[in-house]
Amino acid sequence: MKLILALLLFLLITTQRCSDRAVSVHDGDTLTLADGRKIRLAGIDAPEISQPLGQQSRDHLKRLVIGRNITVVCRSKSYQRAVCDVYDAGRLLNLAMVQDGWAYDYPTYSKGKFKAAEEEARKKRRGIWRAGQHVKPWDYRHGRKSSRPSVSRWSEL
C-alpha cells in the first residue's frame, strides 16, 4: 500500500499540466507552444518530414493545433522536448492523429494504447494508409528498409 501511495505521489509531482497556444508544428508529432516549449506527442510516431507523406502528416497536426489554446499533460522529457498528451476541448490529439491515419501507434512508448485506432485507420485507408507500403518512422531513423516494395506514387495523395 505504501508503494502505491508513493507511486501516486511521484506521478502527481512529476506530471505537469498547462494550457497554451500552439504556434508552430515541426512534424506530425512535435509542436511548439507560445512560451517556446517544444512538445512531443506521447505514444505516437509520425512520418519524418523527409519521408513520403511526412509533410502531409505535419500539415494535419497544424490544422488541429495552430492558433488554438490546447492543454498539455507532460510526464517526461526526451531530446529537449516535453513528452505529453495534448488535448483540444477534451479531445486527445495524440489519438486523433492515429485515428485520422497520420501517425502510428508507437508501441515501445504507448504500450499499445493506440493500436486499435491504428488498425481502424489502416482498415479504412485513412491518411498514410491510402499509400500502401510504408517504412515506419522508427525504422526510417535507423536506416532500416521495409521488406515490402516501395510505392512511387506518394505525391498523388
N, C-alpha and C. Protein backbone atom coordinates (compact mmCIF):
# COMPACT_ATOMS: atom_id res chain seq x y z
N MET A 1 0.82 -1.19 0.00
CA MET A 1 0.00 0.00 0.00
C MET A 1 0.87 1.26 0.00
N LYS A 2 1.95 1.24 0.80
CA LYS A 2 2.85 2.39 0.84
C LYS A 2 3.49 2.62 -0.52
N LEU A 3 3.81 1.53 -1.21
CA LEU A 3 4.41 1.64 -2.53
C LEU A 3 3.45 2.31 -3.51
N ILE A 4 2.19 1.94 -3.46
CA ILE A 4 1.18 2.53 -4.34
C ILE A 4 1.02 4.02 -4.05
N LEU A 5 0.95 4.38 -2.78
CA LEU A 5 0.84 5.80 -2.41
C LEU A 5 2.07 6.58 -2.85
N ALA A 6 3.25 5.99 -2.70
CA ALA A 6 4.48 6.66 -3.12
C ALA A 6 4.47 6.86 -4.63
N LEU A 7 4.02 5.86 -5.37
CA LEU A 7 3.95 5.97 -6.83
C LEU A 7 2.96 7.06 -7.25
N LEU A 8 1.80 7.10 -6.63
CA LEU A 8 0.82 8.14 -6.94
C LEU A 8 1.35 9.53 -6.63
N LEU A 9 2.03 9.67 -5.51
CA LEU A 9 2.62 10.95 -5.15
C LEU A 9 3.68 11.35 -6.16
N PHE A 10 4.50 10.40 -6.58
CA PHE A 10 5.53 10.67 -7.60
C PHE A 10 4.89 11.15 -8.90
N LEU A 11 3.83 10.48 -9.34
CA LEU A 11 3.15 10.88 -10.57
C LEU A 11 2.55 12.28 -10.45
N LEU A 12 1.97 12.60 -9.31
CA LEU A 12 1.41 13.94 -9.11
C LEU A 12 2.49 15.01 -9.14
N ILE A 13 3.63 14.71 -8.57
CA ILE A 13 4.72 15.67 -8.52
C ILE A 13 5.36 15.85 -9.89
N THR A 14 5.52 14.76 -10.65
CA THR A 14 6.24 14.84 -11.92
C THR A 14 5.34 15.17 -13.11
N THR A 15 4.04 15.15 -12.96
CA THR A 15 3.14 15.48 -14.04
C THR A 15 2.92 16.99 -14.08
N GLN A 16 3.13 17.57 -15.25
CA GLN A 16 2.89 18.99 -15.43
C GLN A 16 1.73 19.17 -16.39
N ARG A 17 0.85 20.09 -16.04
CA ARG A 17 -0.32 20.36 -16.87
C ARG A 17 -0.38 21.87 -17.10
N CYS A 18 -0.58 22.26 -18.35
CA CYS A 18 -0.73 23.69 -18.64
C CYS A 18 -1.54 23.87 -19.91
N SER A 19 -2.03 25.07 -20.09
CA SER A 19 -2.72 25.44 -21.32
C SER A 19 -1.93 26.55 -21.98
N ASP A 20 -1.83 26.49 -23.28
CA ASP A 20 -1.10 27.50 -24.04
C ASP A 20 -1.53 27.39 -25.50
N ARG A 21 -1.08 28.33 -26.28
CA ARG A 21 -1.40 28.36 -27.71
C ARG A 21 -0.27 27.71 -28.48
N ALA A 22 -0.61 26.84 -29.43
CA ALA A 22 0.39 26.24 -30.31
C ALA A 22 0.74 27.25 -31.40
N VAL A 23 2.04 27.49 -31.61
CA VAL A 23 2.46 28.49 -32.59
C VAL A 23 3.17 27.90 -33.80
N SER A 24 3.69 26.68 -33.66
CA SER A 24 4.31 26.04 -34.83
C SER A 24 4.29 24.53 -34.67
N VAL A 25 4.43 23.85 -35.80
CA VAL A 25 4.46 22.40 -35.82
C VAL A 25 5.67 21.98 -36.63
N HIS A 26 6.53 21.18 -36.02
CA HIS A 26 7.75 20.73 -36.69
C HIS A 26 7.45 19.54 -37.61
N ASP A 27 6.74 18.57 -37.08
CA ASP A 27 6.34 17.40 -37.86
C ASP A 27 5.04 16.86 -37.28
N GLY A 28 4.64 15.67 -37.65
CA GLY A 28 3.35 15.15 -37.23
C GLY A 28 3.25 14.73 -35.77
N ASP A 29 4.34 14.86 -35.01
CA ASP A 29 4.27 14.53 -33.59
C ASP A 29 5.02 15.52 -32.70
N THR A 30 5.40 16.68 -33.23
CA THR A 30 6.12 17.67 -32.43
C THR A 30 5.62 19.07 -32.75
N LEU A 31 5.33 19.84 -31.68
CA LEU A 31 4.84 21.21 -31.85
C LEU A 31 5.55 22.13 -30.87
N THR A 32 5.38 23.44 -31.06
CA THR A 32 5.95 24.43 -30.16
C THR A 32 4.83 25.31 -29.63
N LEU A 33 4.87 25.54 -28.32
CA LEU A 33 3.89 26.41 -27.67
C LEU A 33 4.35 27.87 -27.73
N ALA A 34 3.43 28.78 -27.46
CA ALA A 34 3.73 30.22 -27.48
C ALA A 34 4.85 30.58 -26.51
N ASP A 35 4.97 29.84 -25.41
CA ASP A 35 6.03 30.15 -24.44
C ASP A 35 7.39 29.56 -24.86
N GLY A 36 7.45 28.92 -26.05
CA GLY A 36 8.70 28.40 -26.58
C GLY A 36 8.98 26.94 -26.28
N ARG A 37 8.17 26.31 -25.46
CA ARG A 37 8.40 24.90 -25.14
C ARG A 37 8.08 24.00 -26.33
N LYS A 38 8.97 23.04 -26.58
CA LYS A 38 8.73 22.03 -27.61
C LYS A 38 8.02 20.84 -26.96
N ILE A 39 6.98 20.37 -27.62
CA ILE A 39 6.14 19.29 -27.11
C ILE A 39 6.16 18.13 -28.10
N ARG A 40 6.44 16.93 -27.59
CA ARG A 40 6.38 15.69 -28.37
C ARG A 40 5.13 14.96 -27.94
N LEU A 41 4.23 14.64 -28.89
CA LEU A 41 3.01 13.92 -28.55
C LEU A 41 3.36 12.50 -28.10
N ALA A 42 2.95 12.14 -26.91
CA ALA A 42 3.31 10.87 -26.29
C ALA A 42 2.64 9.69 -26.98
N GLY A 43 3.40 8.61 -27.15
CA GLY A 43 2.85 7.33 -27.58
C GLY A 43 2.59 7.18 -29.06
N ILE A 44 2.92 8.21 -29.86
CA ILE A 44 2.71 8.11 -31.30
C ILE A 44 4.02 8.45 -32.02
N ASP A 45 4.10 8.06 -33.27
CA ASP A 45 5.25 8.40 -34.10
C ASP A 45 4.72 8.68 -35.50
N ALA A 46 5.01 9.86 -36.00
CA ALA A 46 4.55 10.27 -37.32
C ALA A 46 5.71 10.20 -38.30
N PRO A 47 5.41 10.08 -39.60
CA PRO A 47 6.49 10.07 -40.59
C PRO A 47 7.39 11.29 -40.45
N GLU A 48 8.67 11.08 -40.65
CA GLU A 48 9.62 12.19 -40.65
C GLU A 48 9.33 13.09 -41.85
N ILE A 49 9.68 14.36 -41.73
CA ILE A 49 9.43 15.32 -42.82
C ILE A 49 10.05 14.83 -44.12
N SER A 50 11.20 14.18 -44.05
CA SER A 50 11.89 13.71 -45.26
C SER A 50 11.33 12.39 -45.79
N GLN A 51 10.38 11.80 -45.08
CA GLN A 51 9.73 10.58 -45.55
C GLN A 51 8.54 10.92 -46.43
N PRO A 52 8.13 9.99 -47.29
CA PRO A 52 6.88 10.20 -48.02
C PRO A 52 5.74 10.46 -47.04
N LEU A 53 4.93 11.42 -47.31
CA LEU A 53 3.76 11.83 -46.54
C LEU A 53 4.11 12.49 -45.21
N GLY A 54 5.38 12.74 -44.95
CA GLY A 54 5.78 13.43 -43.73
C GLY A 54 5.25 14.85 -43.66
N GLN A 55 5.29 15.56 -44.78
CA GLN A 55 4.78 16.93 -44.80
C GLN A 55 3.27 16.95 -44.63
N GLN A 56 2.58 15.98 -45.21
CA GLN A 56 1.13 15.91 -45.06
C GLN A 56 0.74 15.61 -43.61
N SER A 57 1.51 14.76 -42.96
CA SER A 57 1.27 14.46 -41.54
C SER A 57 1.44 15.74 -40.71
N ARG A 58 2.53 16.46 -40.96
CA ARG A 58 2.76 17.73 -40.25
C ARG A 58 1.60 18.70 -40.49
N ASP A 59 1.17 18.81 -41.75
CA ASP A 59 0.09 19.74 -42.08
C ASP A 59 -1.21 19.37 -41.38
N HIS A 60 -1.44 18.08 -41.19
CA HIS A 60 -2.66 17.65 -40.48
C HIS A 60 -2.60 18.09 -39.02
N LEU A 61 -1.44 17.90 -38.38
CA LEU A 61 -1.31 18.36 -37.00
C LEU A 61 -1.47 19.88 -36.92
N LYS A 62 -0.94 20.59 -37.90
CA LYS A 62 -1.11 22.06 -37.93
C LYS A 62 -2.59 22.42 -37.92
N ARG A 63 -3.37 21.74 -38.76
CA ARG A 63 -4.81 22.03 -38.81
C ARG A 63 -5.49 21.79 -37.46
N LEU A 64 -4.97 20.83 -36.71
CA LEU A 64 -5.57 20.51 -35.41
C LEU A 64 -5.18 21.49 -34.30
N VAL A 65 -3.98 22.12 -34.39
CA VAL A 65 -3.50 22.88 -33.23
C VAL A 65 -3.16 24.35 -33.44
N ILE A 66 -2.75 24.75 -34.63
CA ILE A 66 -2.23 26.12 -34.79
C ILE A 66 -3.28 27.16 -34.42
N GLY A 67 -2.88 28.07 -33.54
CA GLY A 67 -3.74 29.15 -33.09
C GLY A 67 -4.76 28.75 -32.04
N ARG A 68 -4.77 27.49 -31.69
CA ARG A 68 -5.75 27.01 -30.71
C ARG A 68 -5.12 26.97 -29.33
N ASN A 69 -5.94 27.18 -28.33
CA ASN A 69 -5.49 27.06 -26.95
C ASN A 69 -5.62 25.59 -26.56
N ILE A 70 -4.50 24.91 -26.42
CA ILE A 70 -4.50 23.48 -26.13
C ILE A 70 -4.03 23.24 -24.70
N THR A 71 -4.35 22.08 -24.20
CA THR A 71 -3.90 21.67 -22.87
C THR A 71 -2.90 20.54 -23.05
N VAL A 72 -1.77 20.64 -22.37
CA VAL A 72 -0.76 19.59 -22.43
C VAL A 72 -0.57 19.03 -21.03
N VAL A 73 -0.48 17.71 -20.97
CA VAL A 73 -0.21 17.00 -19.71
C VAL A 73 1.08 16.22 -19.95
N CYS A 74 2.15 16.68 -19.31
CA CYS A 74 3.50 16.17 -19.58
C CYS A 74 4.01 15.35 -18.41
N ARG A 75 4.72 14.26 -18.76
CA ARG A 75 5.27 13.38 -17.73
C ARG A 75 6.76 13.16 -17.83
N SER A 76 7.36 13.50 -18.97
CA SER A 76 8.80 13.25 -19.12
C SER A 76 9.38 14.17 -20.18
N LYS A 77 10.69 14.04 -20.39
CA LYS A 77 11.40 14.80 -21.42
C LYS A 77 12.21 13.84 -22.26
N SER A 78 12.33 14.17 -23.55
CA SER A 78 13.13 13.39 -24.47
C SER A 78 13.67 14.32 -25.53
N TYR A 79 14.99 14.35 -25.72
CA TYR A 79 15.62 15.19 -26.74
C TYR A 79 15.18 16.65 -26.62
N GLN A 80 15.23 17.21 -25.44
CA GLN A 80 14.89 18.61 -25.17
C GLN A 80 13.43 18.94 -25.46
N ARG A 81 12.57 17.94 -25.49
CA ARG A 81 11.13 18.16 -25.69
C ARG A 81 10.39 17.49 -24.54
N ALA A 82 9.33 18.15 -24.10
CA ALA A 82 8.45 17.52 -23.12
C ALA A 82 7.60 16.50 -23.86
N VAL A 83 7.40 15.34 -23.27
CA VAL A 83 6.59 14.28 -23.86
C VAL A 83 5.22 14.33 -23.18
N CYS A 84 4.18 14.61 -23.98
CA CYS A 84 2.89 14.99 -23.39
C CYS A 84 1.69 14.39 -24.13
N ASP A 85 0.60 14.30 -23.40
CA ASP A 85 -0.71 14.12 -24.01
C ASP A 85 -1.20 15.53 -24.32
N VAL A 86 -1.74 15.73 -25.52
CA VAL A 86 -2.17 17.05 -25.97
C VAL A 86 -3.68 17.00 -26.22
N TYR A 87 -4.39 17.96 -25.61
CA TYR A 87 -5.85 17.99 -25.71
C TYR A 87 -6.33 19.31 -26.30
N ASP A 88 -7.40 19.22 -27.07
CA ASP A 88 -8.12 20.40 -27.53
C ASP A 88 -9.58 20.17 -27.18
N ALA A 89 -10.11 20.98 -26.28
CA ALA A 89 -11.51 20.86 -25.83
C ALA A 89 -11.83 19.43 -25.39
N GLY A 90 -10.90 18.80 -24.68
CA GLY A 90 -11.11 17.46 -24.16
C GLY A 90 -10.77 16.34 -25.12
N ARG A 91 -10.50 16.66 -26.38
CA ARG A 91 -10.17 15.65 -27.39
C ARG A 91 -8.66 15.38 -27.34
N LEU A 92 -8.27 14.11 -27.17
CA LEU A 92 -6.86 13.73 -27.14
C LEU A 92 -6.32 13.74 -28.57
N LEU A 93 -5.46 14.71 -28.86
CA LEU A 93 -4.95 14.87 -30.23
C LEU A 93 -3.93 13.80 -30.61
N ASN A 94 -3.25 13.20 -29.64
CA ASN A 94 -2.36 12.08 -29.92
C ASN A 94 -3.19 10.98 -30.60
N LEU A 95 -4.33 10.67 -30.00
CA LEU A 95 -5.24 9.66 -30.54
C LEU A 95 -5.80 10.10 -31.88
N ALA A 96 -6.17 11.36 -32.01
CA ALA A 96 -6.75 11.87 -33.26
C ALA A 96 -5.78 11.70 -34.43
N MET A 97 -4.50 11.95 -34.20
CA MET A 97 -3.51 11.79 -35.27
C MET A 97 -3.45 10.34 -35.76
N VAL A 98 -3.57 9.39 -34.84
CA VAL A 98 -3.56 7.98 -35.23
C VAL A 98 -4.89 7.61 -35.88
N GLN A 99 -6.00 8.03 -35.30
CA GLN A 99 -7.32 7.73 -35.87
C GLN A 99 -7.46 8.28 -37.29
N ASP A 100 -6.90 9.46 -37.52
CA ASP A 100 -7.00 10.10 -38.83
C ASP A 100 -6.00 9.52 -39.83
N GLY A 101 -5.12 8.63 -39.35
CA GLY A 101 -4.19 7.95 -40.23
C GLY A 101 -2.89 8.69 -40.50
N TRP A 102 -2.56 9.68 -39.69
CA TRP A 102 -1.35 10.48 -39.95
C TRP A 102 -0.23 10.19 -38.97
N ALA A 103 -0.39 9.21 -38.09
CA ALA A 103 0.66 8.79 -37.17
C ALA A 103 0.43 7.32 -36.82
N TYR A 104 1.50 6.70 -36.36
CA TYR A 104 1.47 5.31 -35.92
C TYR A 104 1.38 5.24 -34.40
N ASP A 105 0.77 4.17 -33.92
CA ASP A 105 0.93 3.81 -32.51
C ASP A 105 2.41 3.49 -32.34
N TYR A 106 3.05 4.01 -31.29
CA TYR A 106 4.47 3.78 -31.04
C TYR A 106 4.57 2.84 -29.84
N PRO A 107 4.45 1.52 -30.10
CA PRO A 107 4.26 0.56 -29.02
C PRO A 107 5.37 0.55 -27.97
N THR A 108 6.58 0.94 -28.34
CA THR A 108 7.67 1.00 -27.36
C THR A 108 7.31 1.93 -26.21
N TYR A 109 6.56 3.00 -26.52
CA TYR A 109 6.21 4.00 -25.51
C TYR A 109 4.74 4.04 -25.16
N SER A 110 3.87 3.58 -26.07
CA SER A 110 2.43 3.64 -25.80
C SER A 110 1.91 2.39 -25.11
N LYS A 111 2.68 1.32 -25.17
CA LYS A 111 2.26 0.02 -24.67
C LYS A 111 0.96 -0.43 -25.35
N GLY A 112 0.81 -0.02 -26.63
CA GLY A 112 -0.35 -0.43 -27.43
C GLY A 112 -1.60 0.40 -27.24
N LYS A 113 -1.47 1.52 -26.55
CA LYS A 113 -2.63 2.37 -26.25
C LYS A 113 -3.40 2.79 -27.50
N PHE A 114 -2.70 3.00 -28.62
CA PHE A 114 -3.34 3.48 -29.84
C PHE A 114 -3.41 2.41 -30.93
N LYS A 115 -3.13 1.16 -30.58
CA LYS A 115 -3.09 0.08 -31.56
C LYS A 115 -4.42 -0.09 -32.29
N ALA A 116 -5.51 -0.11 -31.55
CA ALA A 116 -6.83 -0.31 -32.18
C ALA A 116 -7.15 0.85 -33.13
N ALA A 117 -6.78 2.07 -32.74
CA ALA A 117 -7.03 3.22 -33.61
C ALA A 117 -6.21 3.11 -34.89
N GLU A 118 -4.96 2.64 -34.78
CA GLU A 118 -4.13 2.46 -35.97
C GLU A 118 -4.73 1.39 -36.89
N GLU A 119 -5.17 0.29 -36.30
CA GLU A 119 -5.75 -0.78 -37.12
C GLU A 119 -7.01 -0.31 -37.84
N GLU A 120 -7.82 0.50 -37.17
CA GLU A 120 -9.03 1.04 -37.79
C GLU A 120 -8.68 2.00 -38.93
N ALA A 121 -7.70 2.87 -38.71
CA ALA A 121 -7.27 3.80 -39.76
C ALA A 121 -6.72 3.03 -40.96
N ARG A 122 -5.96 1.99 -40.70
CA ARG A 122 -5.40 1.16 -41.78
C ARG A 122 -6.53 0.49 -42.56
N LYS A 123 -7.48 -0.07 -41.83
CA LYS A 123 -8.61 -0.77 -42.46
C LYS A 123 -9.42 0.19 -43.35
N LYS A 124 -9.60 1.42 -42.87
CA LYS A 124 -10.39 2.40 -43.62
C LYS A 124 -9.54 3.22 -44.59
N ARG A 125 -8.23 2.90 -44.67
CA ARG A 125 -7.29 3.54 -45.59
C ARG A 125 -7.27 5.07 -45.45
N ARG A 126 -7.15 5.51 -44.21
CA ARG A 126 -7.07 6.94 -43.91
C ARG A 126 -5.62 7.41 -43.92
N GLY A 127 -5.39 8.64 -44.30
CA GLY A 127 -4.07 9.26 -44.21
C GLY A 127 -3.00 8.46 -44.92
N ILE A 128 -1.93 8.12 -44.19
CA ILE A 128 -0.81 7.39 -44.78
C ILE A 128 -1.22 6.01 -45.29
N TRP A 129 -2.29 5.48 -44.79
CA TRP A 129 -2.70 4.12 -45.16
C TRP A 129 -3.29 4.06 -46.57
N ARG A 130 -3.56 5.19 -47.19
CA ARG A 130 -4.02 5.20 -48.58
C ARG A 130 -2.89 4.82 -49.53
N ALA A 131 -1.64 4.99 -49.08
CA ALA A 131 -0.49 4.84 -49.96
C ALA A 131 -0.01 3.40 -50.12
N GLY A 132 -0.38 2.51 -49.27
CA GLY A 132 0.09 1.13 -49.41
C GLY A 132 1.25 0.81 -48.49
N GLN A 133 2.43 0.62 -49.06
CA GLN A 133 3.60 0.16 -48.29
C GLN A 133 4.27 1.32 -47.55
N HIS A 134 4.87 1.02 -46.40
CA HIS A 134 5.47 2.05 -45.57
C HIS A 134 6.78 1.59 -44.95
N VAL A 135 7.59 2.57 -44.58
CA VAL A 135 8.71 2.35 -43.67
C VAL A 135 8.32 3.12 -42.42
N LYS A 136 8.18 2.43 -41.32
CA LYS A 136 7.77 3.10 -40.08
C LYS A 136 8.86 4.08 -39.66
N PRO A 137 8.46 5.19 -39.04
CA PRO A 137 9.44 6.24 -38.72
C PRO A 137 10.62 5.75 -37.89
N TRP A 138 10.39 4.85 -36.94
CA TRP A 138 11.50 4.37 -36.11
C TRP A 138 12.46 3.52 -36.93
N ASP A 139 11.97 2.82 -37.95
CA ASP A 139 12.86 2.08 -38.84
C ASP A 139 13.60 3.05 -39.77
N TYR A 140 12.90 4.03 -40.26
CA TYR A 140 13.50 5.03 -41.15
C TYR A 140 14.66 5.75 -40.45
N ARG A 141 14.46 6.16 -39.19
CA ARG A 141 15.52 6.86 -38.45
C ARG A 141 16.75 6.00 -38.25
N HIS A 142 16.56 4.69 -38.20
CA HIS A 142 17.69 3.77 -38.00
C HIS A 142 18.18 3.17 -39.31
N GLY A 143 17.70 3.70 -40.43
CA GLY A 143 18.18 3.27 -41.74
C GLY A 143 17.72 1.90 -42.18
N ARG A 144 16.66 1.39 -41.53
CA ARG A 144 16.15 0.08 -41.92
C ARG A 144 15.08 0.25 -42.98
N LYS A 145 15.15 -0.56 -44.00
CA LYS A 145 14.19 -0.52 -45.09
C LYS A 145 13.07 -1.52 -44.82
N SER A 146 11.89 -1.20 -45.32
CA SER A 146 10.78 -2.13 -45.24
C SER A 146 11.09 -3.34 -46.12
N SER A 147 10.57 -4.49 -45.77
CA SER A 147 10.77 -5.68 -46.59
C SER A 147 9.82 -5.68 -47.79
N ARG A 148 8.92 -4.73 -47.80
CA ARG A 148 7.96 -4.64 -48.89
C ARG A 148 8.46 -3.66 -49.95
N PRO A 149 8.02 -3.82 -51.19
CA PRO A 149 8.45 -2.88 -52.23
C PRO A 149 7.92 -1.49 -51.95
N SER A 150 8.67 -0.47 -52.37
CA SER A 150 8.24 0.90 -52.14
C SER A 150 7.17 1.31 -53.13
N VAL A 151 6.42 2.32 -52.78
CA VAL A 151 5.39 2.86 -53.63
C VAL A 151 5.90 4.16 -54.19
N SER A 152 5.84 4.35 -55.49
CA SER A 152 6.42 5.55 -56.10
C SER A 152 5.41 6.65 -56.35
N ARG A 153 4.16 6.47 -55.98
CA ARG A 153 3.12 7.45 -56.29
C ARG A 153 2.75 8.28 -55.07
N TRP A 154 3.68 8.59 -54.16
CA TRP A 154 3.38 9.32 -52.93
C TRP A 154 2.77 10.68 -53.21
N SER A 155 3.28 11.39 -54.21
CA SER A 155 2.82 12.76 -54.45
C SER A 155 1.38 12.82 -54.96
N GLU A 156 0.83 11.71 -55.38
CA GLU A 156 -0.53 11.71 -55.88
C GLU A 156 -1.57 11.77 -54.78
N LEU A 157 -1.18 11.58 -53.53
CA LEU A 157 -2.16 11.53 -52.45
C LEU A 157 -2.63 12.88 -52.04
